[in-house]
Amino acid sequence: MSDAARYRYPFMIHRHFDEELAVLKEKLLSMGGLAEQAIGKATEAFLKRDGALAQSVIEEDAAINRTEVDLEESCLSLFARFQPEAKDLRFMAMAFKIIDELERVADQAVNIAERTLDLARSPVFNPPSDIATMSTLAMAMLKDSLDAFVNGNADLASEVCQRDEEVDQLNRVVHDTLLERAGKESAGAKQAVDQLLVARHLERVADHATNIAEDVYFIVRGRTIKHRLGAEA
């Protein structure tokens, strides 16, 4: 190998790694989009008592699972072929964690869809309007946490973490509303429990988004987000 070739070789390897890393980021965003879409469809099915739409969410979960496997294989392949170090290695480790968080988000969508199938067979119910708000907030948090990851945006990650309390507060309001309703209408107790579970699943989606954002902040800033938020309190 000539001196010029030896000089170019590391550069070419790094370029190929960067190109494949960009593809990995796009795949992660695609999986995030699928998970976000699943939550949106599951919530819509719940609000409209649409059993067919709920069933489609359950059936489409297999596609998200396949995407998860594909992403994990891509990460392992990158690691084996390029043996990344330092910053790139931290990125790869974080990618594995995000894949797991997104798979759990998709599981929450399935859980909501399953609750919806039960509710669709019950008398008409009127869910608290805050449940729809929780879904909107949780999906936005998920999208922003992934954007923060791809762009290394610690400020956006911090914003996501701070929004988690808003979803938690709405969950508490829904909880109190439904318990009060169940106490007055014993015949609707089962429906109230199912709706409580739907709210809980949406709260967990926000938690998964927060987990991603916390990891992003740590990777970018080198300290935990809890320390920063504590300093601002």
Protein backbone atom coordinates (compact mmCIF):
# COMPACT_ATOMS: atom_id res chain seq x y z
CA MET A 1 0.00 0.00 0.00
CA SER A 2 1.38 3.40 -0.98
CA ASP A 3 1.82 6.22 1.53
CA ALA A 4 -1.06 8.08 -0.11
CA ALA A 5 -3.31 5.05 0.18
CA ARG A 6 -2.38 4.57 3.84
CA TYR A 7 -3.27 8.20 4.44
CA ARG A 8 -6.63 7.89 2.72
CA TYR A 9 -7.65 4.60 4.34
CA PRO A 10 -8.57 5.92 7.83
CA PHE A 11 -10.39 8.83 6.22
CA MET A 12 -12.42 6.48 4.02
CA ILE A 13 -13.28 4.25 6.98
CA HIS A 14 -14.47 7.25 8.99
CA ARG A 15 -16.48 8.53 6.03
CA HIS A 16 -18.21 5.17 5.61
CA PHE A 17 -18.98 5.07 9.32
CA ASP A 18 -20.49 8.56 9.20
CA GLU A 19 -22.63 7.59 6.22
CA GLU A 20 -23.96 4.47 7.92
CA LEU A 21 -24.49 6.38 11.15
CA ALA A 22 -26.67 8.85 9.24
CA VAL A 23 -28.72 5.93 7.91
CA LEU A 24 -29.07 4.59 11.46
CA LYS A 25 -30.37 7.97 12.64
CA GLU A 26 -32.96 7.97 9.87
CA LYS A 27 -34.07 4.47 10.84
CA LEU A 28 -34.40 5.56 14.47
CA LEU A 29 -36.54 8.51 13.45
CA SER A 30 -38.64 6.18 11.30
CA MET A 31 -39.22 3.84 14.24
CA GLY A 32 -40.05 6.85 16.39
CA GLY A 33 -42.58 7.94 13.79
CA LEU A 34 -44.18 4.50 13.81
CA ALA A 35 -44.40 4.52 17.60
CA GLU A 36 -45.86 8.03 17.63
CA GLN A 37 -48.37 7.05 14.94
CA ALA A 38 -49.38 3.98 16.95
CA ILE A 39 -50.09 6.11 20.02
CA GLY A 40 -52.10 8.56 17.93
CA LYS A 41 -54.19 5.82 16.34
CA ALA A 42 -54.73 4.05 19.66
CA THR A 43 -55.91 7.28 21.28
CA GLU A 44 -58.22 8.02 18.35
CA ALA A 45 -59.66 4.52 18.58
CA PHE A 46 -60.22 5.02 22.30
CA LEU A 47 -61.93 8.40 21.93
CA LYS A 48 -64.15 7.17 19.05
CA ARG A 49 -64.86 3.70 20.50
CA ASP A 50 -63.49 2.31 17.23
CA GLY A 51 -62.77 -1.36 17.76
CA ALA A 52 -61.56 -1.90 14.19
CA LEU A 53 -58.99 0.88 14.49
CA ALA A 54 -57.86 -0.49 17.84
CA GLN A 55 -57.41 -3.93 16.31
CA SER A 56 -55.29 -2.45 13.52
CA VAL A 57 -52.95 -0.93 16.12
CA ILE A 58 -52.46 -4.35 17.66
CA GLU A 59 -51.82 -5.99 14.29
CA GLU A 60 -49.38 -3.30 13.15
CA ASP A 61 -47.23 -3.78 16.23
CA ALA A 62 -45.47 -6.62 14.40
CA ALA A 63 -44.02 -4.10 11.93
CA ILE A 64 -42.58 -2.05 14.78
CA ASN A 65 -41.07 -5.19 16.28
CA ARG A 66 -39.40 -5.98 12.94
CA THR A 67 -38.03 -2.44 12.80
CA GLU A 68 -36.64 -2.90 16.30
CA VAL A 69 -34.79 -6.07 15.28
CA ASP A 70 -33.46 -4.39 12.12
CA LEU A 71 -32.16 -1.43 14.11
CA GLU A 72 -30.47 -3.61 16.71
CA GLU A 73 -28.78 -5.60 13.95
CA SER A 74 -27.62 -2.36 12.30
CA CYS A 75 -26.13 -1.16 15.58
CA LEU A 76 -24.31 -4.44 16.15
CA SER A 77 -23.00 -4.43 12.59
CA LEU A 78 -21.67 -0.88 12.93
CA PHE A 79 -20.01 -1.72 16.21
CA ALA A 80 -18.39 -4.90 14.87
CA ARG A 81 -17.10 -3.36 11.63
CA PHE A 82 -15.93 0.05 12.83
CA GLN A 83 -15.29 -0.42 16.57
CA PRO A 84 -16.26 3.18 17.43
CA GLU A 85 -14.57 4.98 20.28
CA ALA A 86 -15.38 7.79 22.71
CA LYS A 87 -18.23 9.98 21.43
CA ASP A 88 -19.31 7.57 18.69
CA LEU A 89 -19.34 4.68 21.15
CA ARG A 90 -21.55 6.66 23.55
CA PHE A 91 -23.88 7.44 20.66
CA MET A 92 -24.16 3.75 19.77
CA ALA A 93 -24.87 2.79 23.38
CA MET A 94 -27.56 5.43 23.55
CA ALA A 95 -29.09 4.25 20.28
CA PHE A 96 -29.63 0.81 21.85
CA LYS A 97 -31.42 2.42 24.80
CA ILE A 98 -33.61 4.52 22.54
CA ILE A 99 -34.62 1.48 20.49
CA ASP A 100 -35.77 -0.16 23.72
CA GLU A 101 -37.69 2.95 24.81
CA LEU A 102 -39.47 3.15 21.44
CA GLU A 103 -40.44 -0.50 21.60
CA ARG A 104 -41.96 0.16 25.02
CA VAL A 105 -43.87 3.13 23.63
CA ALA A 106 -45.33 0.85 20.96
CA ASP A 107 -46.30 -1.59 23.71
CA GLN A 108 -48.21 1.21 25.44
CA ALA A 109 -50.12 1.79 22.20
CA VAL A 110 -51.09 -1.88 22.13
CA ASN A 111 -52.18 -1.67 25.76
CA ILE A 112 -54.43 1.31 24.97
CA ALA A 113 -55.87 -0.54 21.97
CA GLU A 114 -56.64 -3.58 24.12
CA ARG A 115 -58.43 -1.41 26.69
CA THR A 116 -60.36 0.18 23.83
CA LEU A 117 -61.59 -3.20 22.60
CA ASP A 118 -63.04 -3.83 26.06
CA LEU A 119 -64.63 -0.39 26.21
CA ALA A 120 -66.08 -0.68 22.69
CA ARG A 121 -68.18 -3.60 23.91
CA SER A 122 -69.48 -1.60 26.88
CA PRO A 123 -72.21 1.03 27.12
CA VAL A 124 -71.32 4.48 25.80
CA PHE A 125 -68.72 6.22 27.95
CA ASN A 126 -67.50 9.81 28.08
CA PRO A 127 -63.77 9.88 28.83
CA PRO A 128 -62.28 12.96 30.50
CA SER A 129 -61.08 15.45 27.87
CA ASP A 130 -57.70 15.57 29.60
CA ILE A 131 -56.90 12.11 28.20
CA ALA A 132 -56.79 13.52 24.66
CA THR A 133 -54.58 16.35 25.90
CA MET A 134 -52.24 13.83 27.53
CA SER A 135 -51.89 11.99 24.24
CA THR A 136 -51.07 15.17 22.32
CA LEU A 137 -48.46 16.22 24.87
CA ALA A 138 -46.87 12.76 25.12
CA MET A 139 -46.54 12.43 21.34
CA ALA A 140 -44.95 15.88 21.09
CA MET A 141 -42.50 14.96 23.85
CA LEU A 142 -41.55 11.78 22.01
CA LYS A 143 -40.95 13.61 18.75
CA ASP A 144 -38.90 16.34 20.42
CA SER A 145 -36.81 13.87 22.41
CA LEU A 146 -35.82 12.11 19.18
CA ASP A 147 -35.08 15.43 17.48
CA ALA A 148 -32.88 16.33 20.45
CA PHE A 149 -31.04 13.03 20.08
CA VAL A 150 -30.40 13.33 16.35
CA ASN A 151 -29.28 16.97 16.59
CA GLY A 152 -27.47 16.75 19.93
CA ASN A 153 -29.75 19.50 21.29
CA ALA A 154 -29.45 19.57 25.08
CA ASP A 155 -31.75 22.59 25.43
CA LEU A 156 -34.59 20.78 23.66
CA ALA A 157 -33.93 17.70 25.78
CA SER A 158 -34.25 19.86 28.89
CA GLU A 159 -37.58 21.26 27.68
CA VAL A 160 -38.91 17.74 27.17
CA CYS A 161 -37.98 16.77 30.72
CA GLN A 162 -39.72 19.81 32.16
CA ARG A 163 -42.92 18.99 30.25
CA ASP A 164 -43.20 15.60 31.94
CA GLU A 165 -44.70 17.18 35.06
CA GLU A 166 -47.57 18.60 32.99
CA VAL A 167 -48.51 15.11 31.82
CA ASP A 168 -48.18 13.77 35.37
CA GLN A 169 -50.51 16.49 36.63
CA LEU A 170 -53.10 15.70 33.97
CA ASN A 171 -52.89 12.04 34.90
CA ARG A 172 -53.67 12.94 38.51
CA VAL A 173 -56.65 15.04 37.40
CA VAL A 174 -57.99 12.17 35.26
CA HIS A 175 -57.46 9.77 38.16
CA ASP A 176 -59.46 11.94 40.57
CA THR A 177 -62.21 12.61 38.02
CA LEU A 178 -62.74 8.95 37.22
CA LEU A 179 -62.65 7.82 40.84
CA GLU A 180 -65.30 10.39 41.69
CA ARG A 181 -67.40 9.24 38.73
CA ALA A 182 -67.05 5.58 39.70
CA GLY A 183 -68.20 6.41 43.22
CA LYS A 184 -71.38 7.98 41.89
CA GLU A 185 -72.06 5.47 39.11
CA SER A 186 -71.20 1.99 40.33
CA ALA A 187 -72.41 0.46 37.06
CA GLY A 188 -69.60 2.26 35.22
CA ALA A 189 -66.79 1.21 37.55
CA LYS A 190 -65.24 -1.17 35.02
CA GLN A 191 -65.24 1.55 32.36
CA ALA A 192 -63.61 3.94 34.80
CA VAL A 193 -60.83 1.44 35.51
CA ASP A 194 -60.17 0.93 31.79
CA GLN A 195 -60.01 4.68 31.25
CA LEU A 196 -57.65 5.04 34.21
CA LEU A 197 -55.38 2.48 32.59
CA VAL A 198 -55.44 4.35 29.28
CA ALA A 199 -54.34 7.52 31.06
CA ARG A 200 -51.63 5.56 32.85
CA HIS A 201 -50.33 4.17 29.55
CA LEU A 202 -50.12 7.69 28.10
CA GLU A 203 -48.28 8.88 31.20
CA ARG A 204 -45.78 6.06 30.61
CA VAL A 205 -45.27 7.26 27.01
CA ALA A 206 -44.25 10.64 28.42
CA ASP A 207 -41.91 8.85 30.83
CA HIS A 208 -40.22 7.01 27.96
CA ALA A 209 -39.78 10.30 26.08
CA THR A 210 -38.29 11.81 29.23
CA ASN A 211 -35.87 8.89 29.59
CA ILE A 212 -34.60 9.55 26.06
CA ALA A 213 -34.27 13.27 26.74
CA GLU A 214 -32.37 12.68 29.99
CA ASP A 215 -29.87 10.49 28.17
CA VAL A 216 -29.44 13.09 25.43
CA TYR A 217 -28.74 15.79 27.98
CA PHE A 218 -26.16 13.63 29.74
CA ILE A 219 -24.37 12.73 26.51
CA VAL A 220 -24.22 16.35 25.33
CA ARG A 221 -23.54 18.16 28.62
CA GLY A 222 -21.80 15.48 30.66
CA ARG A 223 -24.09 15.84 33.68
CA THR A 224 -27.57 14.64 34.56
CA ILE A 225 -30.59 16.78 33.82
CA LYS A 226 -31.81 16.33 37.41
CA HIS A 227 -28.85 18.39 38.64
CA ARG A 228 -29.73 21.20 36.24
CA LEU A 229 -33.42 21.24 37.10
CA GLY A 230 -32.56 21.12 40.79
CA ALA A 231 -30.34 24.17 40.41
CA GLU A 232 -33.19 26.08 38.75
CA ALA A 233 -35.73 25.19 41.46
